[in-house]
C-alpha atoms as a PDB file:
ATOM      1  CA  MET A   1       0.000   0.000   0.000  1.00  0.00           C
ATOM      2  CA  LYS A   2       0.892   3.624  -0.508  1.00  0.00           C
ATOM      3  CA  LEU A   3      -0.632   5.616   2.329  1.00  0.00           C
ATOM      4  CA  LEU A   4      -0.754   9.393   2.377  1.00  0.00           C
ATOM      5  CA  ARG A   5      -2.266  12.435   4.038  1.00  0.00           C
ATOM      6  CA  TYR A   6      -3.852  15.203   2.000  1.00  0.00           C
ATOM      7  CA  GLY A   7      -5.432  18.581   2.590  1.00  0.00           C
ATOM      8  CA  PRO A   8      -4.562  21.923   4.227  1.00  0.00           C
ATOM      9  CA  LYS A   9      -1.763  22.131   6.779  1.00  0.00           C
ATOM     10  CA  GLY A  10      -2.941  20.927  10.152  1.00  0.00           C
ATOM     11  CA  HIS A  11      -6.159  19.503   8.698  1.00  0.00           C
ATOM     12  CA  GLU A  12      -4.870  16.604   6.613  1.00  0.00           C
ATOM     13  CA  LYS A  13      -7.099  13.605   5.958  1.00  0.00           C
ATOM     14  CA  PRO A  14      -5.891   9.990   5.599  1.00  0.00           C
ATOM     15  CA  GLY A  15      -5.838   8.413   2.181  1.00  0.00           C
ATOM     16  CA  LEU A  16      -4.270   5.809  -0.019  1.00  0.00           C
ATOM     17  CA  LEU A  17      -3.031   5.814  -3.579  1.00  0.00           C
ATOM     18  CA  ASP A  18      -4.958   3.416  -5.814  1.00  0.00           C
ATOM     19  CA  ALA A  19      -3.518   1.414  -8.712  1.00  0.00           C
ATOM     20  CA  ALA A  20      -4.369   4.190 -11.170  1.00  0.00           C
ATOM     21  CA  GLY A  21      -2.572   6.831  -9.107  1.00  0.00           C
ATOM     22  CA  GLY A  22      -5.745   8.352  -7.707  1.00  0.00           C
ATOM     23  CA  ILE A  23      -6.259   9.323  -4.082  1.00  0.00           C
ATOM     24  CA  ARG A  24      -8.893   7.419  -2.096  1.00  0.00           C
ATOM     25  CA  ASP A  25     -10.260   8.801   1.169  1.00  0.00           C
ATOM     26  CA  LEU A  26      -9.811   6.623   4.280  1.00  0.00           C
ATOM     27  CA  SER A  27     -11.604   8.994   6.677  1.00  0.00           C
ATOM     28  CA  ALA A  28     -14.516   6.632   7.232  1.00  0.00           C
ATOM     29  CA  HIS A  29     -12.117   3.975   8.555  1.00  0.00           C
ATOM     30  CA  ILE A  30      -9.348   5.844  10.399  1.00  0.00           C
ATOM     31  CA  ASP A  31      -8.739   9.356  11.675  1.00  0.00           C
ATOM     32  CA  ASP A  32      -5.093   9.628  10.579  1.00  0.00           C
ATOM     33  CA  ILE A  33      -2.030   7.753   9.319  1.00  0.00           C
ATOM     34  CA  ALA A  34      -0.602   7.642  12.829  1.00  0.00           C
ATOM     35  CA  GLY A  35      -0.175   5.638  16.020  1.00  0.00           C
ATOM     36  CA  ASP A  36      -1.972   2.305  16.218  1.00  0.00           C
ATOM     37  CA  VAL A  37      -2.977   2.518  12.550  1.00  0.00           C
ATOM     38  CA  LEU A  38       0.672   1.764  11.764  1.00  0.00           C
ATOM     39  CA  THR A  39       0.893  -1.406  13.860  1.00  0.00           C
ATOM     40  CA  PRO A  40       0.801  -4.758  12.049  1.00  0.00           C
ATOM     41  CA  GLU A  41      -2.834  -5.185  13.124  1.00  0.00           C
ATOM     42  CA  GLY A  42      -3.776  -1.692  11.982  1.00  0.00           C
ATOM     43  CA  LEU A  43      -2.147  -2.116   8.579  1.00  0.00           C
ATOM     44  CA  ALA A  44      -3.792  -5.533   8.145  1.00  0.00           C
ATOM     45  CA  ARG A  45      -7.197  -3.878   8.572  1.00  0.00           C
ATOM     46  CA  LEU A  46      -6.350  -1.359   5.865  1.00  0.00           C
ATOM     47  CA  GLN A  47      -5.059  -4.090   3.563  1.00  0.00           C
ATOM     48  CA  ALA A  48      -8.475  -5.762   3.789  1.00  0.00           C
ATOM     49  CA  ILE A  49     -10.257  -2.703   2.363  1.00  0.00           C
ATOM     50  CA  ASP A  50     -11.003  -2.707  -1.369  1.00  0.00           C
ATOM     51  CA  PRO A  51      -9.640   0.638  -2.631  1.00  0.00           C
ATOM     52  CA  ALA A  52     -12.474   0.791  -5.189  1.00  0.00           C
ATOM     53  CA  SER A  53     -14.938   0.974  -2.301  1.00  0.00           C
ATOM     54  CA  LEU A  54     -13.392   4.191  -1.004  1.00  0.00           C
ATOM     55  CA  PRO A  55     -14.440   7.680  -2.149  1.00  0.00           C
ATOM     56  CA  GLN A  56     -12.190   9.133  -4.823  1.00  0.00           C
ATOM     57  CA  VAL A  57     -10.644  12.496  -3.994  1.00  0.00           C
ATOM     58  CA  SER A  58     -11.156  15.015  -6.769  1.00  0.00           C
ATOM     59  CA  GLY A  59      -8.885  17.819  -7.858  1.00  0.00           C
ATOM     60  CA  ASP A  60      -5.235  18.221  -6.957  1.00  0.00           C
ATOM     61  CA  PRO A  61      -5.074  18.535  -3.178  1.00  0.00           C
ATOM     62  CA  ARG A  62      -1.960  19.419  -1.236  1.00  0.00           C
ATOM     63  CA  ILE A  63      -0.079  16.322  -0.083  1.00  0.00           C
ATOM     64  CA  GLY A  64       0.903  16.538   3.577  1.00  0.00           C
ATOM     65  CA  PRO A  65       3.538  14.673   5.587  1.00  0.00           C
ATOM     66  CA  CYS A  66       2.830  10.971   5.143  1.00  0.00           C
ATOM     67  CA  VAL A  67       2.762  10.303   8.922  1.00  0.00           C
ATOM     68  CA  GLY A  68       0.813  12.262  11.500  1.00  0.00           C
ATOM     69  CA  ARG A  69       1.434  12.813  15.212  1.00  0.00           C
ATOM     70  CA  VAL A  70       5.079  11.724  14.930  1.00  0.00           C
ATOM     71  CA  GLY A  71       6.486  11.057  18.383  1.00  0.00           C
ATOM     72  CA  LYS A  72      10.191  11.018  17.557  1.00  0.00           C
ATOM     73  CA  PHE A  73      12.105  12.124  14.456  1.00  0.00           C
ATOM     74  CA  ILE A  74      15.449  10.369  14.847  1.00  0.00           C
ATOM     75  CA  CYS A  75      18.298  10.807  12.366  1.00  0.00           C
ATOM     76  CA  ILE A  76      21.495   8.955  11.556  1.00  0.00           C
ATOM     77  CA  GLY A  77      24.476  11.040  10.447  1.00  0.00           C
ATOM     78  CA  LEU A  78      27.452  10.163   8.249  1.00  0.00           C
ATOM     79  CA  ASN A  79      25.937   6.817   7.277  1.00  0.00           C
ATOM     80  CA  TYR A  80      27.511   6.699   3.810  1.00  0.00           C
ATOM     81  CA  ALA A  81      31.310   6.458   3.714  1.00  0.00           C
ATOM     82  CA  ASP A  82      31.648   8.736   0.706  1.00  0.00           C
ATOM     83  CA  HIS A  83      29.443  11.381   2.334  1.00  0.00           C
ATOM     84  CA  ALA A  84      31.603  11.253   5.479  1.00  0.00           C
ATOM     85  CA  ALA A  85      34.658  11.804   3.281  1.00  0.00           C
ATOM     86  CA  GLU A  86      33.161  14.818   1.479  1.00  0.00           C
ATOM     87  CA  SER A  87      32.228  16.284   4.878  1.00  0.00           C
ATOM     88  CA  GLY A  88      35.823  15.866   6.095  1.00  0.00           C
ATOM     89  CA  MET A  89      34.780  13.515   8.889  1.00  0.00           C
ATOM     90  CA  ASP A  90      35.894  10.039   9.901  1.00  0.00           C
ATOM     91  CA  ILE A  91      33.747   6.984   9.129  1.00  0.00           C
ATOM     92  CA  PRO A  92      31.834   6.366  12.356  1.00  0.00           C
ATOM     93  CA  LYS A  93      32.410   3.188  14.339  1.00  0.00           C
ATOM     94  CA  GLU A  94      28.839   3.380  15.659  1.00  0.00           C
ATOM     95  CA  PRO A  95      25.803   5.158  14.209  1.00  0.00           C
ATOM     96  CA  VAL A  96      25.838   8.921  14.764  1.00  0.00           C
ATOM     97  CA  VAL A  97      22.445   9.796  16.275  1.00  0.00           C
ATOM     98  CA  PHE A  98      20.759  13.200  16.389  1.00  0.00           C
ATOM     99  CA  ASN A  99      17.200  14.540  16.346  1.00  0.00           C
ATOM    100  CA  LYS A 100      15.064  16.735  14.170  1.00  0.00           C
ATOM    101  CA  TRP A 101      12.259  18.415  16.089  1.00  0.00           C
ATOM    102  CA  THR A 102       8.809  17.237  15.049  1.00  0.00           C
ATOM    103  CA  SER A 103       7.949  20.890  14.331  1.00  0.00           C
ATOM    104  CA  ALA A 104      10.356  20.640  11.380  1.00  0.00           C
ATOM    105  CA  ILE A 105       8.073  18.140   9.623  1.00  0.00           C
ATOM    106  CA  SER A 106       6.378  19.410   6.485  1.00  0.00           C
ATOM    107  CA  GLY A 107       4.749  18.101   3.347  1.00  0.00           C
ATOM    108  CA  PRO A 108       6.839  16.782   0.459  1.00  0.00           C
ATOM    109  CA  ASN A 109       6.068  19.741  -1.779  1.00  0.00           C
ATOM    110  CA  ASP A 110       5.771  22.515   0.803  1.00  0.00           C
ATOM    111  CA  ASP A 111       8.172  25.456   0.658  1.00  0.00           C
ATOM    112  CA  VAL A 112      11.489  25.056   2.490  1.00  0.00           C
ATOM    113  CA  GLU A 113      12.779  28.088   4.373  1.00  0.00           C
ATOM    114  CA  VAL A 114      16.275  29.515   4.551  1.00  0.00           C
ATOM    115  CA  PRO A 115      16.268  30.640   8.210  1.00  0.00           C
ATOM    116  CA  ARG A 116      16.867  34.264   9.088  1.00  0.00           C
ATOM    117  CA  GLY A 117      20.588  34.900   9.370  1.00  0.00           C
ATOM    118  CA  ALA A 118      21.477  31.538   7.806  1.00  0.00           C
ATOM    119  CA  THR A 119      24.221  31.321   5.181  1.00  0.00           C
ATOM    120  CA  LYS A 120      24.810  27.574   4.763  1.00  0.00           C
ATOM    121  CA  THR A 121      21.439  25.901   4.219  1.00  0.00           C
ATOM    122  CA  ASP A 122      21.927  22.499   2.589  1.00  0.00           C
ATOM    123  CA  TRP A 123      20.013  19.483   1.252  1.00  0.00           C
ATOM    124  CA  GLU A 124      20.114  15.730   1.985  1.00  0.00           C
ATOM    125  CA  VAL A 125      17.939  13.058   0.348  1.00  0.00           C
ATOM    126  CA  GLU A 126      17.384  10.230   2.831  1.00  0.00           C
ATOM    127  CA  LEU A 127      15.451   7.013   3.300  1.00  0.00           C
ATOM    128  CA  GLY A 128      12.872   7.366   6.059  1.00  0.00           C
ATOM    129  CA  VAL A 129      11.881   4.324   8.135  1.00  0.00           C
ATOM    130  CA  VAL A 130       8.536   4.462   9.940  1.00  0.00           C
ATOM    131  CA  ILE A 131       8.111   2.239  12.976  1.00  0.00           C
ATOM    132  CA  GLY A 132       4.969   0.115  13.164  1.00  0.00           C
ATOM    133  CA  LYS A 133       5.620  -2.259  16.041  1.00  0.00           C
ATOM    134  CA  GLY A 134       7.219  -0.678  19.060  1.00  0.00           C
ATOM    135  CA  GLY A 135       9.910  -2.238  21.172  1.00  0.00           C
ATOM    136  CA  ARG A 136      13.153  -2.082  23.107  1.00  0.00           C
ATOM    137  CA  TYR A 137      16.271  -4.232  22.762  1.00  0.00           C
ATOM    138  CA  ILE A 138      15.181  -5.399  19.333  1.00  0.00           C
ATOM    139  CA  ASP A 139      17.247  -8.170  17.749  1.00  0.00           C
ATOM    140  CA  GLU A 140      18.772  -7.252  14.409  1.00  0.00           C
ATOM    141  CA  ALA A 141      17.328 -10.438  12.886  1.00  0.00           C
ATOM    142  CA  ASP A 142      13.818  -9.316  13.907  1.00  0.00           C
ATOM    143  CA  ALA A 143      14.212  -5.602  13.227  1.00  0.00           C
ATOM    144  CA  LEU A 144      12.388  -5.393   9.891  1.00  0.00           C
ATOM    145  CA  SER A 145       9.235  -6.834  11.473  1.00  0.00           C
ATOM    146  CA  HIS A 146       9.032  -3.569  13.438  1.00  0.00           C
ATOM    147  CA  VAL A 147       8.812  -1.445  10.273  1.00  0.00           C
ATOM    148  CA  ALA A 148       5.457  -0.136   9.047  1.00  0.00           C
ATOM    149  CA  GLY A 149       6.941   1.306   5.873  1.00  0.00           C
ATOM    150  CA  TYR A 150       9.337   3.669   4.164  1.00  0.00           C
ATOM    151  CA  CYS A 151       9.299   7.193   2.769  1.00  0.00           C
ATOM    152  CA  VAL A 152      11.440   9.927   1.261  1.00  0.00           C
ATOM    153  CA  VAL A 153      12.964  12.499   3.648  1.00  0.00           C
ATOM    154  CA  ASN A 154      14.806  15.710   2.834  1.00  0.00           C
ATOM    155  CA  ASP A 155      17.051  16.306   5.843  1.00  0.00           C
ATOM    156  CA  VAL A 156      17.472  20.035   5.232  1.00  0.00           C
ATOM    157  CA  SER A 157      20.414  21.296   7.292  1.00  0.00           C
ATOM    158  CA  GLU A 158      21.923  24.651   8.264  1.00  0.00           C
ATOM    159  CA  ARG A 159      25.623  23.756   8.298  1.00  0.00           C
ATOM    160  CA  GLU A 160      26.952  26.764  10.210  1.00  0.00           C
ATOM    161  CA  TRP A 161      24.497  26.156  13.033  1.00  0.00           C
ATOM    162  CA  GLN A 162      25.137  22.409  12.891  1.00  0.00           C
ATOM    163  CA  ILE A 163      28.927  22.449  12.874  1.00  0.00           C
ATOM    164  CA  GLU A 164      30.314  25.867  13.774  1.00  0.00           C
ATOM    165  CA  ARG A 165      28.082  27.208  16.534  1.00  0.00           C
ATOM    166  CA  GLY A 166      28.928  24.792  19.348  1.00  0.00           C
ATOM    167  CA  GLY A 167      26.776  22.182  21.028  1.00  0.00           C
ATOM    168  CA  THR A 168      25.078  19.297  19.276  1.00  0.00           C
ATOM    169  CA  TRP A 169      23.999  19.041  15.639  1.00  0.00           C
ATOM    170  CA  ASP A 170      20.341  19.441  16.557  1.00  0.00           C
ATOM    171  CA  LYS A 171      20.031  23.222  16.263  1.00  0.00           C
ATOM    172  CA  GLY A 172      21.248  23.063  12.657  1.00  0.00           C
ATOM    173  CA  LYS A 173      18.740  20.351  11.799  1.00  0.00           C
ATOM    174  CA  GLY A 174      15.450  21.333  13.358  1.00  0.00           C
ATOM    175  CA  HIS A 175      14.292  24.572  11.778  1.00  0.00           C
ATOM    176  CA  ASP A 176      10.640  24.711  10.706  1.00  0.00           C
ATOM    177  CA  THR A 177      10.144  23.211   7.188  1.00  0.00           C
ATOM    178  CA  HIS A 178      13.475  21.340   7.365  1.00  0.00           C
ATOM    179  CA  GLY A 179      11.897  17.890   7.523  1.00  0.00           C
ATOM    180  CA  PRO A 180       9.745  17.202   4.446  1.00  0.00           C
ATOM    181  CA  ILE A 181       8.474  13.590   4.509  1.00  0.00           C
ATOM    182  CA  GLY A 182       6.468  11.752   1.862  1.00  0.00           C
ATOM    183  CA  PRO A 183       4.694  11.854  -0.511  1.00  0.00           C
ATOM    184  CA  TRP A 184       3.695   8.365   0.529  1.00  0.00           C
ATOM    185  CA  LEU A 185       4.292   5.889   3.290  1.00  0.00           C
ATOM    186  CA  VAL A 186       4.990   2.745   1.277  1.00  0.00           C
ATOM    187  CA  THR A 187       4.251  -0.244   3.479  1.00  0.00           C
ATOM    188  CA  ALA A 188       7.128  -2.625   4.075  1.00  0.00           C
ATOM    189  CA  ASP A 189       5.506  -5.505   2.173  1.00  0.00           C
ATOM    190  CA  ALA A 190       5.623  -3.389  -1.008  1.00  0.00           C
ATOM    191  CA  VAL A 191       9.400  -2.752  -0.807  1.00  0.00           C
ATOM    192  CA  THR A 192      11.359  -5.711  -2.158  1.00  0.00           C
ATOM    193  CA  ASP A 193      14.857  -4.782  -0.963  1.00  0.00           C
ATOM    194  CA  VAL A 194      15.212  -1.722   1.237  1.00  0.00           C
ATOM    195  CA  ASN A 195      18.997  -2.141   1.180  1.00  0.00           C
ATOM    196  CA  ASN A 196      19.175  -1.539  -2.576  1.00  0.00           C
ATOM    197  CA  LEU A 197      17.131   1.554  -3.435  1.00  0.00           C
ATOM    198  CA  GLY A 198      18.386   4.249  -5.786  1.00  0.00           C
ATOM    199  CA  MET A 199      18.092   7.824  -4.519  1.00  0.00           C
ATOM    200  CA  TRP A 200      18.740  11.232  -6.063  1.00  0.00           C
ATOM    201  CA  LEU A 201      18.398  14.986  -5.579  1.00  0.00           C
ATOM    202  CA  GLU A 202      18.491  17.937  -7.966  1.00  0.00           C
ATOM    203  CA  VAL A 203      18.644  21.698  -7.399  1.00  0.00           C
ATOM    204  CA  ASP A 204      17.334  23.822 -10.285  1.00  0.00           C
ATOM    205  CA  GLY A 205      17.634  20.801 -12.565  1.00  0.00           C
ATOM    206  CA  LYS A 206      21.256  20.006 -11.690  1.00  0.00           C
ATOM    207  CA  ARG A 207      21.771  16.519 -10.285  1.00  0.00           C
ATOM    208  CA  TYR A 208      23.868  16.745  -7.112  1.00  0.00           C
ATOM    209  CA  GLN A 209      23.075  13.454  -5.356  1.00  0.00           C
ATOM    210  CA  ASN A 210      22.854  10.091  -7.080  1.00  0.00           C
ATOM    211  CA  GLY A 211      23.288   7.171  -4.702  1.00  0.00           C
ATOM    212  CA  SER A 212      21.855   3.965  -3.304  1.00  0.00           C
ATOM    213  CA  THR A 213      20.942   2.575   0.086  1.00  0.00           C
ATOM    214  CA  ALA A 214      23.275  -0.307  -0.857  1.00  0.00           C
ATOM    215  CA  THR A 215      26.236   1.840   0.227  1.00  0.00           C
ATOM    216  CA  MET A 216      25.001   2.532   3.765  1.00  0.00           C
ATOM    217  CA  ILE A 217      27.560   1.876   6.496  1.00  0.00           C
ATOM    218  CA  PHE A 218      24.811   0.715   8.882  1.00  0.00           C
ATOM    219  CA  ASN A 219      21.763  -0.824   7.202  1.00  0.00           C
ATOM    220  CA  VAL A 220      18.152  -0.553   8.335  1.00  0.00           C
ATOM    221  CA  PRO A 221      18.097  -3.621  10.641  1.00  0.00           C
ATOM    222  CA  GLN A 222      21.352  -2.529  12.267  1.00  0.00           C
ATOM    223  CA  ILE A 223      20.031   0.988  12.849  1.00  0.00           C
ATOM    224  CA  ILE A 224      16.769  -0.202  14.415  1.00  0.00           C
ATOM    225  CA  ALA A 225      18.520  -2.683  16.693  1.00  0.00           C
ATOM    226  CA  TYR A 226      21.095  -0.067  17.714  1.00  0.00           C
ATOM    227  CA  LEU A 227      18.598   2.660  18.517  1.00  0.00           C
ATOM    228  CA  SER A 228      16.423   0.289  20.533  1.00  0.00           C
ATOM    229  CA  ARG A 229      19.269  -0.177  23.019  1.00  0.00           C
ATOM    230  CA  PHE A 230      18.996   3.458  24.053  1.00  0.00           C
ATOM    231  CA  LEU A 231      15.306   4.309  23.698  1.00  0.00           C
ATOM    232  CA  SER A 232      11.952   2.681  23.101  1.00  0.00           C
ATOM    233  CA  LEU A 233      10.727   2.813  19.523  1.00  0.00           C
ATOM    234  CA  GLN A 234       7.007   3.454  19.130  1.00  0.00           C
ATOM    235  CA  PRO A 235       4.469   3.307  16.281  1.00  0.00           C
ATOM    236  CA  GLY A 236       4.811   6.385  14.119  1.00  0.00           C
ATOM    237  CA  ASP A 237       8.399   7.205  15.032  1.00  0.00           C
ATOM    238  CA  VAL A 238      10.389   8.238  11.944  1.00  0.00           C
ATOM    239  CA  ILE A 239      14.060   7.334  11.467  1.00  0.00           C
ATOM    240  CA  SER A 240      15.974   9.177   8.751  1.00  0.00           C
ATOM    241  CA  THR A 241      18.898   6.961   7.810  1.00  0.00           C
ATOM    242  CA  GLY A 242      21.570   9.212   6.314  1.00  0.00           C
ATOM    243  CA  THR A 243      22.450  10.650   2.927  1.00  0.00           C
ATOM    244  CA  PRO A 244      24.741   9.682   0.027  1.00  0.00           C
ATOM    245  CA  PRO A 245      27.390  12.114  -1.268  1.00  0.00           C
ATOM    246  CA  GLY A 246      26.578  15.237  -3.214  1.00  0.00           C
ATOM    247  CA  VAL A 247      25.427  17.641  -0.515  1.00  0.00           C
ATOM    248  CA  GLY A 248      26.155  21.336  -0.897  1.00  0.00           C
ATOM    249  CA  LEU A 249      28.808  21.224   1.829  1.00  0.00           C
ATOM    250  CA  GLY A 250      30.798  18.737  -0.237  1.00  0.00           C
ATOM    251  CA  GLN A 251      30.941  20.793  -3.443  1.00  0.00           C
ATOM    252  CA  LYS A 252      34.143  22.578  -4.348  1.00  0.00           C
ATOM    253  CA  PRO A 253      33.490  25.356  -3.617  1.00  0.00           C
ATOM    254  CA  PRO A 254      30.478  24.634  -1.369  1.00  0.00           C
ATOM    255  CA  VAL A 255      27.022  25.447  -2.747  1.00  0.00           C
ATOM    256  CA  TYR A 256      24.229  26.517  -0.396  1.00  0.00           C
ATOM    257  CA  LEU A 257      20.573  27.425  -0.771  1.00  0.00           C
ATOM    258  CA  LYS A 258      19.904  31.168  -0.851  1.00  0.00           C
ATOM    259  CA  GLY A 259      16.202  31.329  -1.736  1.00  0.00           C
ATOM    260  CA  GLY A 260      14.447  30.976  -5.074  1.00  0.00           C
ATOM    261  CA  GLU A 261      15.808  27.529  -5.941  1.00  0.00           C
ATOM    262  CA  VAL A 262      13.689  24.438  -6.589  1.00  0.00           C
ATOM    263  CA  MET A 263      14.724  21.082  -5.128  1.00  0.00           C
ATOM    264  CA  ARG A 264      13.539  17.773  -6.581  1.00  0.00           C
ATOM    265  CA  LEU A 265      14.397  14.465  -4.956  1.00  0.00           C
ATOM    266  CA  GLY A 266      13.227  10.883  -4.900  1.00  0.00           C
ATOM    267  CA  ILE A 267      13.856   7.263  -4.014  1.00  0.00           C
ATOM    268  CA  ASP A 268      13.018   4.248  -6.180  1.00  0.00           C
ATOM    269  CA  GLY A 269       9.432   3.150  -5.529  1.00  0.00           C
ATOM    270  CA  LEU A 270       8.874   5.714  -2.761  1.00  0.00           C
ATOM    271  CA  GLY A 271       7.934   8.723  -4.870  1.00  0.00           C
ATOM    272  CA  GLU A 272       9.324  12.212  -5.388  1.00  0.00           C
ATOM    273  CA  GLN A 273       9.348  15.543  -3.587  1.00  0.00           C
ATOM    274  CA  MET A 274       9.636  19.052  -5.019  1.00  0.00           C
ATOM    275  CA  GLN A 275      10.176  22.131  -2.858  1.00  0.00           C
ATOM    276  CA  LYS A 276      10.635  25.802  -3.597  1.00  0.00           C
ATOM    277  CA  VAL A 277      13.229  27.443  -1.363  1.00  0.00           C
ATOM    278  CA  VAL A 278      12.075  30.704   0.240  1.00  0.00           C
ATOM    279  CA  LYS A 279      13.526  33.117   2.790  1.00  0.00           C
ATOM    280  CA  ALA A 280      11.990  32.970   6.260  1.00  0.00           C
END
C-alpha cells in the first residue's frame, strides 16, 4: 500500500493511492495515518479494504507529511562512507544519532525556508523508516518486522548552526520546514529490498546526489537494533537513515541554498518531492 495524508496544513485527511494513481479517502475507517494505525494489526485492517470501495478524492489537493502525530524524528548522520569523506569527517564506528524536532516536519512539496541569518542551508535526500511495532532491545534479525513502511525524507540542514556554533547538531537540523516527509508511506511488504534503493536529488535541474541505500555503512536492521538499546521505539516514530554524497557542503566550492531555488528528490518506488526554497 501507498498511504498518504492530504489537505490543508494541520487539517490533513488519511488516504491511499490506488492502482491508477488516484487518491482514495480513508476517513470513514481511520482518523489519521498515525499511532496504532501503523501497527501490524492496523495495517492488516487497511489491507483488507477494497480501494475501489473508497471515495475518490477530486482535484489536486496538497499532499501533507505521510505520517501524523510523529512522536520522535530520529536521524542517523554520516551513514555513507563517501558522504563522510566529502564532509571531512571520519567513518563512524557506531551510528551517529541526532534529532530533528517534530515541528520541522512538512509536506513533500511545501516550501522550504532559509532561516533568518542563515548562510549555509543544505540538502540531503534520505530514506525514512517508519516504525509500526514498538519495542526495546530489538534483535537485528527481527528488526524489519518492526517497520510499518518507508518514505522519502529531505534532511534540510543549516551547516553553520550544525557544525560551527557549538553544542550538538540538533540546532542546525530542526528549523521549521526542514523535515519534508512523503509523498507516501509505502508499506514494508511493497518494498522488495530496502537495502538496494536508488536515490537522487536535484537543485534547479542540476543533479547533485545520485546514490543507493546499498552503500550505507549501517543498514536498516542494524540501525533499528542499535537505537532500541537506548530508547523505546514506538508506532509512528520516523528514522531518517543518512544521505549519500553530493550535498552542498561537499561541493568545491560549497554550494548553499539562498532562496528561489527548486529542489527535486526521490527514491526508487517511494515517490518524489519538489520544494521551492524561500527566505523565512
